[in-house]
């Protein structure tokens, strides 16, 4: 990082600063999500519906890994942004090195446990006898590679907290583009099936992690990876995890949700409905992730403004980001409602899958235009270090969705399961809006920060 990056966080007009930080993050998130879509398309076209169902079983396990990397990355990034705002660069460097070390230890543990207990884990996440071989073939390769995946997620968030959004974008692009190319070679040309997709994913994640580490080894940052900054202190660990735990709760909650949905859909609708949910999960993630990119661009601005006690800049960053995200959400909603059947045709030429999935897709994305309220509220609390509030906003949807899934399934069967998702979104948005208004009212003058 250099003085130019600090100037972006501290002084640049909000619209320009948000564009310079959000655009790389948004492009990277969109491309990253696109690679997930293309990965599923290759599996659907060359392996079939059961291959997509296998990916659907694997998805929550990948989501947990994403949550662990995000927990350390977002928690560390929040501390670093605020420490930079206070001009505490030594403390920021200590936070960076220690965050990376903690993430490495936990990611190694997750990969090891997953590899050892892969069979019961896949069964618990809803793999039927027909789906299990596909899920196993994929996850036996993916589990060991999770170390690189989690480290890449962690480093991306930390690098972005310095204001180096382009470097963060490049890391994601390297992984995403590499995965797409390798998918084509291994699945389409070499006929390696679902295992080829897994190998492509791991290799691309290794490439991305190496690139991000080189950001520090080539001295492109004001920070150093020197071990002299390493502090295995429980207070620092707790500060990182408590702030970043909301990111983990979101992803862990999505995994629990996927577990419940896969089992419920398998029970009420069979393997084809598990495949439908797999497609919807990929597509809805693709449409939401650019919003996450905008949020990620806003987060270091908010954190720096909070650390520097610049309330006006903090308010401006929030309002500008949320307007852009809502506009994007409306456009996404219209596109998916109109072209829902065509979306499913991308993944399979099987009319049965298209007919089964069109209405559920249209139902699930109903609340997407207003969901930016929930996304940015959670991000605000992370940025300013309000760990309990960030955790609460992350738990709302999980708490709401579990009873709704069971209730709606009992009343309406398979379609009720899909209806429960926008209902849970509505509850999440309403509570998040109330929390957002409350915190902004408390910040009416700088003395309250």
Protein backbone atom coordinates (compact mmCIF):
# COMPACT_ATOMS: atom_id res chain seq x y z
CA UNK A 1 0.00 0.00 0.00
CA UNK A 2 1.09 3.59 -0.58
CA UNK A 3 -0.12 7.12 0.20
CA UNK A 4 -2.35 7.05 -2.88
CA UNK A 5 -4.32 4.13 -1.42
CA UNK A 6 -4.66 5.95 1.90
CA UNK A 7 -5.90 9.05 0.05
CA UNK A 8 -8.65 6.98 -1.59
CA UNK A 9 -9.88 5.88 1.84
CA UNK A 10 -9.50 9.26 3.52
CA UNK A 11 -10.11 12.08 1.05
CA UNK A 12 -11.35 11.02 -2.38
CA UNK A 13 -15.02 11.91 -3.13
CA UNK A 14 -17.22 9.00 -2.02
CA UNK A 15 -18.62 8.20 -5.45
CA UNK A 16 -15.14 8.11 -6.97
CA UNK A 17 -13.62 6.20 -4.02
CA UNK A 18 -16.47 3.70 -4.04
CA UNK A 19 -16.09 3.22 -7.79
CA UNK A 20 -12.32 2.71 -7.57
CA UNK A 21 -12.66 0.17 -4.74
CA UNK A 22 -15.98 -1.47 -5.67
CA UNK A 23 -15.48 -1.87 -9.41
CA UNK A 24 -12.48 -4.22 -9.10
CA UNK A 25 -14.23 -6.12 -6.31
CA UNK A 26 -17.49 -6.30 -8.28
CA UNK A 27 -15.77 -7.46 -11.46
CA UNK A 28 -13.85 -10.04 -9.48
CA UNK A 29 -16.95 -11.30 -7.66
CA UNK A 30 -18.96 -11.43 -10.89
CA UNK A 31 -16.25 -13.38 -12.69
CA UNK A 32 -15.78 -15.63 -9.67
CA UNK A 33 -19.49 -16.35 -9.57
CA UNK A 34 -19.51 -16.84 -13.34
CA UNK A 35 -16.85 -19.51 -13.02
CA UNK A 36 -19.11 -21.32 -10.53
CA UNK A 37 -21.92 -21.12 -13.06
CA UNK A 38 -19.70 -22.39 -15.89
CA UNK A 39 -18.36 -25.16 -13.64
CA UNK A 40 -21.94 -26.34 -13.09
CA UNK A 41 -22.74 -25.99 -16.80
CA UNK A 42 -19.80 -28.21 -17.74
CA UNK A 43 -20.83 -30.80 -15.14
CA UNK A 44 -24.46 -30.63 -16.26
CA UNK A 45 -23.66 -31.00 -19.94
CA UNK A 46 -20.93 -33.67 -19.66
CA UNK A 47 -21.91 -35.56 -16.49
CA UNK A 48 -25.67 -34.97 -16.19
CA UNK A 49 -28.28 -34.17 -13.56
CA UNK A 50 -26.70 -36.40 -10.94
CA UNK A 51 -23.44 -34.50 -11.37
CA UNK A 52 -25.28 -31.24 -10.59
CA UNK A 53 -26.89 -32.94 -7.59
CA UNK A 54 -23.41 -33.99 -6.42
CA UNK A 55 -22.26 -30.37 -6.65
CA UNK A 56 -25.35 -29.34 -4.69
CA UNK A 57 -24.29 -31.68 -1.86
CA UNK A 58 -20.73 -30.31 -2.02
CA UNK A 59 -21.81 -26.66 -2.10
CA UNK A 60 -22.52 -26.22 1.65
CA UNK A 61 -19.15 -27.72 2.53
CA UNK A 62 -17.49 -25.19 0.22
CA UNK A 63 -19.65 -22.50 1.80
CA UNK A 64 -18.35 -23.38 5.28
CA UNK A 65 -14.79 -23.05 3.96
CA UNK A 66 -15.73 -19.69 2.45
CA UNK A 67 -17.13 -18.66 5.84
CA UNK A 68 -13.94 -19.60 7.69
CA UNK A 69 -11.76 -17.66 5.25
CA UNK A 70 -14.20 -14.75 5.37
CA UNK A 71 -14.32 -14.80 9.17
CA UNK A 72 -10.57 -14.27 9.49
CA UNK A 73 -10.34 -12.04 6.41
CA UNK A 74 -13.22 -9.70 7.30
CA UNK A 75 -12.38 -9.65 11.00
CA UNK A 76 -8.74 -8.83 10.29
CA UNK A 77 -9.69 -6.34 7.57
CA UNK A 78 -12.04 -4.47 9.90
CA UNK A 79 -9.32 -4.11 12.54
CA UNK A 80 -6.71 -3.10 9.96
CA UNK A 81 -8.93 -0.42 8.36
CA UNK A 82 -9.69 1.17 11.72
CA UNK A 83 -6.06 0.96 12.86
CA UNK A 84 -4.97 2.68 9.64
CA UNK A 85 -7.61 5.37 10.26
CA UNK A 86 -5.94 5.98 13.65
CA UNK A 87 -2.48 5.86 11.99
CA UNK A 88 -1.48 2.76 14.02
CA UNK A 89 0.47 1.02 11.24
CA UNK A 90 2.50 -1.26 13.54
CA UNK A 91 -0.67 -2.61 15.13
CA UNK A 92 -2.17 -3.07 11.67
CA UNK A 93 0.84 -5.11 10.57
CA UNK A 94 0.60 -7.29 13.68
CA UNK A 95 -3.08 -7.87 12.97
CA UNK A 96 -2.35 -8.85 9.37
CA UNK A 97 0.36 -11.45 10.14
CA UNK A 98 -1.52 -12.93 13.08
CA UNK A 99 -4.77 -13.16 11.12
CA UNK A 100 -3.04 -15.09 8.33
CA UNK A 101 -1.44 -17.48 10.84
CA UNK A 102 -4.73 -18.20 12.62
CA UNK A 103 -6.50 -18.79 9.29
CA UNK A 104 -3.80 -21.21 8.13
CA UNK A 105 -4.07 -23.30 11.31
CA UNK A 106 -7.88 -23.52 11.18
CA UNK A 107 -7.98 -24.25 7.43
CA UNK A 108 -5.52 -27.13 7.84
CA UNK A 109 -7.76 -28.56 10.55
CA UNK A 110 -10.90 -28.26 8.41
CA UNK A 111 -9.25 -29.94 5.42
CA UNK A 112 -7.93 -32.78 7.58
CA UNK A 113 -11.23 -33.49 9.36
CA UNK A 114 -13.16 -33.35 6.07
CA UNK A 115 -10.79 -35.76 4.34
CA UNK A 116 -10.92 -38.28 7.20
CA UNK A 117 -14.69 -38.19 7.72
CA UNK A 118 -15.80 -37.56 4.14
CA UNK A 119 -18.30 -40.45 3.95
CA UNK A 120 -20.48 -39.61 6.98
CA UNK A 121 -20.27 -35.89 6.16
CA UNK A 122 -21.66 -36.38 2.65
CA UNK A 123 -24.43 -38.64 3.97
CA UNK A 124 -25.38 -36.04 6.57
CA UNK A 125 -25.58 -33.33 3.89
CA UNK A 126 -28.18 -35.30 1.95
CA UNK A 127 -26.29 -37.53 -0.51
CA UNK A 128 -28.59 -40.37 -1.59
CA UNK A 129 -27.26 -43.69 -2.89
CA UNK A 130 -27.40 -42.40 -6.48
CA UNK A 131 -25.87 -38.98 -5.71
CA UNK A 132 -23.16 -40.16 -3.29
CA UNK A 133 -20.61 -41.42 -5.90
CA UNK A 134 -20.63 -38.02 -7.65
CA UNK A 135 -20.36 -36.03 -4.43
CA UNK A 136 -17.55 -38.30 -3.17
CA UNK A 137 -15.56 -38.11 -6.42
CA UNK A 138 -15.70 -34.31 -6.23
CA UNK A 139 -15.06 -33.76 -2.51
CA UNK A 140 -12.19 -36.24 -2.09
CA UNK A 141 -10.16 -33.81 -4.23
CA UNK A 142 -11.70 -30.57 -2.98
CA UNK A 143 -11.21 -31.15 0.77
CA UNK A 144 -7.37 -31.06 0.71
CA UNK A 145 -7.50 -28.00 -1.55
CA UNK A 146 -9.60 -26.05 0.94
CA UNK A 147 -6.41 -24.77 2.60
CA UNK A 148 -5.60 -22.68 -0.48
CA UNK A 149 -9.22 -21.64 -0.95
CA UNK A 150 -9.57 -20.33 2.62
CA UNK A 151 -6.21 -18.59 2.55
CA UNK A 152 -7.15 -16.91 -0.73
CA UNK A 153 -10.43 -15.62 0.74
CA UNK A 154 -8.65 -14.35 3.86
CA UNK A 155 -5.89 -12.58 1.90
CA UNK A 156 -8.37 -11.00 -0.51
CA UNK A 157 -10.22 -9.28 2.32
CA UNK A 158 -7.04 -8.13 4.05
CA UNK A 159 -5.46 -6.76 0.88
CA UNK A 160 -8.68 -4.87 0.13
CA UNK A 161 -8.52 -3.25 3.59
CA UNK A 162 -5.27 -1.56 2.49
CA UNK A 163 -7.10 0.03 -0.42
CA UNK A 164 -5.36 -2.29 -2.91
CA UNK A 165 -8.61 -3.31 -4.61
CA UNK A 166 -6.98 -4.06 -7.97
CA UNK A 167 -4.59 -6.61 -6.47
CA UNK A 168 -7.53 -8.29 -4.72
CA UNK A 169 -9.43 -8.33 -8.02
CA UNK A 170 -6.49 -9.85 -9.88
CA UNK A 171 -6.25 -12.66 -7.33
CA UNK A 172 -9.89 -13.60 -7.83
CA UNK A 173 -9.63 -13.26 -11.62
CA UNK A 174 -6.60 -15.56 -11.75
CA UNK A 175 -8.53 -18.23 -9.87
CA UNK A 176 -11.74 -17.80 -11.84
CA UNK A 177 -10.27 -17.62 -15.34
CA UNK A 178 -7.87 -20.44 -14.58
CA UNK A 179 -10.77 -22.59 -13.42
CA UNK A 180 -12.80 -21.93 -16.55
CA UNK A 181 -9.88 -22.84 -18.84
CA UNK A 182 -9.06 -25.97 -16.83
CA UNK A 183 -12.73 -27.01 -16.76
CA UNK A 184 -12.78 -26.90 -20.55
CA UNK A 185 -9.57 -28.90 -20.85
CA UNK A 186 -10.22 -31.51 -18.15
CA UNK A 187 -13.98 -32.02 -18.50
CA UNK A 188 -14.65 -31.32 -22.16
CA UNK A 189 -11.42 -32.41 -23.85
CA UNK A 190 -10.00 -35.06 -21.51
CA UNK A 191 -13.39 -36.45 -20.38
CA UNK A 192 -12.38 -36.49 -16.71
CA UNK A 193 -15.93 -35.82 -15.56
CA UNK A 194 -16.68 -34.45 -12.10
CA UNK A 195 -13.16 -35.28 -10.89
CA UNK A 196 -11.78 -33.05 -13.65
CA UNK A 197 -13.96 -30.22 -12.31
CA UNK A 198 -12.55 -30.74 -8.83
CA UNK A 199 -8.93 -30.80 -10.04
CA UNK A 200 -9.55 -27.61 -12.04
CA UNK A 201 -10.94 -25.92 -8.93
CA UNK A 202 -8.02 -26.84 -6.67
CA UNK A 203 -5.31 -25.88 -9.20
CA UNK A 204 -6.92 -22.49 -9.82
CA UNK A 205 -7.20 -21.82 -6.06
CA UNK A 206 -3.51 -22.63 -5.60
CA UNK A 207 -2.66 -20.15 -8.37
CA UNK A 208 -4.76 -17.41 -6.76
CA UNK A 209 -3.30 -17.95 -3.28
CA UNK A 210 0.28 -17.82 -4.60
CA UNK A 211 -0.42 -14.55 -6.44
CA UNK A 212 -1.84 -12.93 -3.29
CA UNK A 213 1.09 -14.03 -1.12
CA UNK A 214 3.46 -12.56 -3.72
CA UNK A 215 1.81 -9.16 -3.12
CA UNK A 216 3.73 -9.07 0.17
CA UNK A 217 6.85 -10.95 -0.88
CA UNK A 218 7.40 -8.49 -3.75
CA UNK A 219 7.05 -5.58 -1.26
CA UNK A 220 3.98 -4.12 -2.98
CA UNK A 221 2.45 -3.38 0.42
CA UNK A 222 3.38 -1.17 3.34
CA UNK A 223 2.94 -4.31 5.42
CA UNK A 224 5.41 -7.12 5.92
CA UNK A 225 4.86 -10.85 6.48
CA UNK A 226 7.79 -10.90 8.92
CA UNK A 227 7.32 -13.32 11.84
CA UNK A 228 8.33 -10.54 14.25
CA UNK A 229 4.75 -9.28 13.91
CA UNK A 230 3.24 -12.65 14.87
CA UNK A 231 1.32 -12.61 18.18
CA UNK A 232 -0.55 -15.70 19.31
CA UNK A 233 -2.64 -13.70 21.76
CA UNK A 234 -6.15 -14.82 22.70
CA UNK A 235 -7.36 -11.22 22.91
CA UNK A 236 -6.27 -10.52 19.34
CA UNK A 237 -7.73 -13.84 18.19
CA UNK A 238 -11.03 -12.96 19.85
CA UNK A 239 -11.04 -9.44 18.38
CA UNK A 240 -10.58 -10.90 14.88
CA UNK A 241 -13.06 -13.75 15.27
CA UNK A 242 -15.75 -11.77 17.11
CA UNK A 243 -15.89 -9.17 14.35
CA UNK A 244 -15.57 -11.66 11.52
CA UNK A 245 -17.84 -14.29 13.06
CA UNK A 246 -20.86 -12.79 11.32
CA UNK A 247 -19.25 -13.69 7.98
CA UNK A 248 -18.80 -17.25 9.19
CA UNK A 249 -22.33 -17.40 10.60
CA UNK A 250 -23.74 -16.28 7.24
CA UNK A 251 -21.88 -19.03 5.38
CA UNK A 252 -22.40 -21.67 8.08
CA UNK A 253 -26.06 -20.72 8.10
CA UNK A 254 -26.20 -21.14 4.34
CA UNK A 255 -24.63 -24.57 4.79
CA UNK A 256 -27.17 -25.56 7.42
CA UNK A 257 -29.88 -24.24 5.13
CA UNK A 258 -28.50 -26.25 2.22
CA UNK A 259 -28.38 -29.37 4.40
CA UNK A 260 -32.02 -28.89 5.40
CA UNK A 261 -33.11 -28.05 1.85
CA UNK A 262 -31.26 -30.95 0.23
CA UNK A 263 -32.80 -33.42 2.69
CA UNK A 264 -36.27 -31.86 2.50
CA UNK A 265 -36.26 -31.59 -1.29
CA UNK A 266 -34.97 -35.14 -1.61
CA UNK A 267 -37.79 -36.32 0.66
CA UNK A 268 -40.61 -34.37 -0.99
CA UNK A 269 -39.41 -34.13 -4.61
CA UNK A 270 -36.61 -36.65 -5.21
CA UNK A 271 -33.16 -36.20 -6.79
CA UNK A 272 -34.41 -33.87 -9.54
CA UNK A 273 -35.46 -31.24 -6.99
CA UNK A 274 -32.00 -31.46 -5.38
CA UNK A 275 -30.62 -30.69 -8.85
CA UNK A 276 -33.07 -27.78 -9.22
CA UNK A 277 -31.88 -26.31 -5.94
CA UNK A 278 -28.28 -26.76 -7.04
CA UNK A 279 -28.92 -24.63 -10.14
CA UNK A 280 -30.91 -22.00 -8.22
CA UNK A 281 -28.16 -21.73 -5.62
CA UNK A 282 -25.54 -21.10 -8.30
CA UNK A 283 -27.69 -18.59 -10.19
CA UNK A 284 -28.85 -16.63 -7.14
CA UNK A 285 -25.26 -16.50 -5.88
CA UNK A 286 -24.19 -15.13 -9.26
CA UNK A 287 -26.76 -12.34 -9.04
CA UNK A 288 -26.02 -11.46 -5.39
CA UNK A 289 -22.22 -11.56 -5.46
CA UNK A 290 -21.81 -8.27 -7.40
CA UNK A 291 -23.69 -6.68 -4.48
CA UNK A 292 -21.10 -8.26 -2.20
CA UNK A 293 -18.44 -6.68 -4.41
CA UNK A 294 -19.97 -3.24 -3.85
CA UNK A 295 -20.18 -3.92 -0.12
CA UNK A 296 -16.53 -4.97 -0.08
CA UNK A 297 -15.58 -1.73 -1.80
CA UNK A 298 -17.53 0.30 0.78
CA UNK A 299 -16.20 -1.59 3.80
CA UNK A 300 -12.65 -0.12 3.98
CA UNK A 301 -14.05 3.39 3.40
CA UNK A 302 -16.53 2.92 6.25
CA UNK A 303 -13.90 1.39 8.55
CA UNK A 304 -11.36 4.14 7.84
CA UNK A 305 -13.98 6.90 8.27
CA UNK A 306 -15.08 5.38 11.58
CA UNK A 307 -11.48 5.13 12.83
CA UNK A 308 -10.87 8.75 11.76
CA UNK A 309 -14.20 9.89 13.35
CA UNK A 310 -15.47 11.26 10.04
CA UNK A 311 -19.23 10.72 10.42
CA UNK A 312 -20.22 12.62 7.28
CA UNK A 313 -18.04 10.42 5.10
CA UNK A 314 -19.35 7.29 6.82
CA UNK A 315 -22.99 8.28 6.12
CA UNK A 316 -22.23 9.16 2.52
CA UNK A 317 -20.51 5.85 1.88
CA UNK A 318 -23.48 3.89 3.26
CA UNK A 319 -26.16 5.79 1.34
CA UNK A 320 -24.27 5.73 -1.97
CA UNK A 321 -23.50 2.03 -1.76
CA UNK A 322 -27.04 1.01 -0.85
CA UNK A 323 -28.59 3.00 -3.73
CA UNK A 324 -26.29 1.36 -6.27
CA UNK A 325 -26.98 -2.09 -4.85
CA UNK A 326 -30.76 -1.67 -4.92
CA UNK A 327 -30.67 -0.48 -8.54
CA UNK A 328 -28.62 -3.54 -9.46
CA UNK A 329 -30.99 -5.79 -7.50
CA UNK A 330 -33.98 -4.49 -9.46
CA UNK A 331 -32.25 -5.14 -12.78
CA UNK A 332 -31.30 -8.67 -11.69
CA UNK A 333 -34.85 -9.39 -10.57
CA UNK A 334 -36.34 -8.39 -13.93
CA UNK A 335 -33.80 -10.40 -15.93
CA UNK A 336 -34.30 -13.60 -13.92
CA UNK A 337 -38.09 -13.35 -13.89
CA UNK A 338 -38.22 -12.94 -17.66
CA UNK A 339 -35.54 -15.45 -18.63
CA UNK A 340 -35.97 -18.15 -15.95
CA UNK A 341 -36.53 -21.04 -18.44
CA UNK A 342 -33.54 -20.00 -20.56
CA UNK A 343 -31.38 -19.99 -17.42
CA UNK A 344 -32.17 -23.66 -16.80
CA UNK A 345 -31.53 -24.57 -20.44
CA UNK A 346 -27.95 -23.41 -19.90
CA UNK A 347 -27.40 -26.24 -17.43
CA UNK A 348 -29.18 -29.09 -19.18
CA UNK A 349 -31.11 -29.80 -22.34
CA UNK A 350 -33.45 -32.00 -20.29
CA UNK A 351 -36.95 -30.46 -20.41
CA UNK A 352 -37.82 -32.13 -17.11
CA UNK A 353 -35.24 -30.05 -15.23
CA UNK A 354 -36.34 -26.84 -16.97
CA UNK A 355 -40.01 -27.41 -16.18
CA UNK A 356 -39.28 -28.36 -12.58
CA UNK A 357 -37.01 -25.38 -11.92
CA UNK A 358 -38.56 -22.36 -13.67
CA UNK A 359 -41.21 -21.47 -11.07
CA UNK A 360 -38.97 -22.15 -8.03
CA UNK A 361 -36.32 -19.81 -9.46
CA UNK A 362 -38.90 -17.07 -9.97
CA UNK A 363 -40.11 -17.48 -6.39
CA UNK A 364 -36.69 -17.57 -4.70
CA UNK A 365 -35.43 -14.27 -6.18
CA UNK A 366 -38.52 -12.17 -5.33
CA UNK A 367 -36.81 -10.22 -2.52
CA UNK A 368 -33.47 -9.68 -4.26
CA UNK A 369 -34.09 -5.93 -4.98
CA UNK A 370 -34.34 -5.11 -1.25
CA UNK A 371 -31.76 -7.57 0.08
CA UNK A 372 -28.95 -4.94 -0.16
CA UNK A 373 -30.37 -3.47 3.07
CA UNK A 374 -29.48 -6.67 4.94
CA UNK A 375 -26.12 -7.04 3.19
CA UNK A 376 -24.92 -3.52 3.96
CA UNK A 377 -26.25 -3.46 7.52
CA UNK A 378 -24.20 -6.53 8.40
CA UNK A 379 -21.16 -5.02 6.65
CA UNK A 380 -21.55 -1.73 8.55
CA UNK A 381 -21.45 -3.47 11.92
CA UNK A 382 -18.39 -5.47 10.83
CA UNK A 383 -16.63 -2.31 9.62
CA UNK A 384 -17.11 -0.38 12.86
CA UNK A 385 -16.33 -3.34 15.14
CA UNK A 386 -19.84 -3.91 16.56
CA UNK A 387 -19.40 -7.67 16.85
CA UNK A 388 -22.69 -8.53 18.59
CA UNK A 389 -24.82 -6.52 16.18
CA UNK A 390 -22.96 -7.99 13.19
CA UNK A 391 -23.59 -11.46 14.57
CA UNK A 392 -27.27 -10.71 15.14
CA UNK A 393 -27.83 -9.50 11.57
CA UNK A 394 -26.13 -12.67 10.32
CA UNK A 395 -28.32 -14.93 12.45
CA UNK A 396 -31.68 -13.42 11.50
CA UNK A 397 -32.19 -15.35 8.27
CA UNK A 398 -31.01 -18.65 9.77
CA UNK A 399 -33.40 -18.28 12.71
CA UNK A 400 -36.28 -17.38 10.40
CA UNK A 401 -35.73 -19.88 7.62
CA UNK A 402 -35.57 -23.15 9.56
CA UNK A 403 -39.13 -23.10 10.94
CA UNK A 404 -40.44 -21.59 7.69
CA UNK A 405 -38.97 -24.45 5.62
CA UNK A 406 -40.62 -27.10 7.76
CA UNK A 407 -43.95 -25.24 8.04
CA UNK A 408 -44.23 -24.41 4.34
CA UNK A 409 -43.14 -27.93 3.35
CA UNK A 410 -45.87 -29.43 5.51
CA UNK A 411 -48.50 -27.13 4.02
CA UNK A 412 -47.42 -26.92 0.36
CA UNK A 413 -44.88 -29.71 -0.22
CA UNK A 414 -41.95 -29.11 -2.54
CA UNK A 415 -43.09 -25.66 -3.69
CA UNK A 416 -43.54 -24.58 -0.10
CA UNK A 417 -39.85 -25.19 0.52
CA UNK A 418 -38.95 -22.66 -2.17
CA UNK A 419 -41.59 -20.18 -0.94
CA UNK A 420 -40.03 -20.23 2.52
CA UNK A 421 -36.82 -18.63 1.18
CA UNK A 422 -38.22 -15.23 0.10
CA UNK A 423 -40.32 -15.17 3.29
CA UNK A 424 -37.14 -15.54 5.34
CA UNK A 425 -35.52 -12.81 3.22
CA UNK A 426 -38.43 -10.49 4.03
CA UNK A 427 -38.00 -11.03 7.78
CA UNK A 428 -34.24 -10.44 7.46
CA UNK A 429 -34.69 -7.21 5.49
CA UNK A 430 -37.26 -5.78 7.93
CA UNK A 431 -35.13 -6.40 11.04
CA UNK A 432 -31.93 -5.22 9.32
CA UNK A 433 -33.63 -1.97 8.29
CA UNK A 434 -34.68 -1.31 11.90
CA UNK A 435 -31.13 -1.98 13.14
CA UNK A 436 -29.64 0.26 10.43
CA UNK A 437 -31.92 3.17 11.33
CA UNK A 438 -31.09 2.75 15.01
CA UNK A 439 -27.31 2.83 14.57
CA UNK A 440 -27.42 5.82 12.21
CA UNK A 441 -29.61 7.73 14.66
CA UNK A 442 -26.99 7.09 17.36
CA UNK A 443 -24.30 8.62 15.13
CA UNK A 444 -25.95 12.03 14.86
CA UNK A 445 -22.77 13.71 16.05
CA UNK A 446 -19.13 12.72 16.04
CA UNK A 447 -18.95 12.45 19.82
CA UNK A 448 -21.11 9.32 19.75
CA UNK A 449 -18.51 7.40 17.70
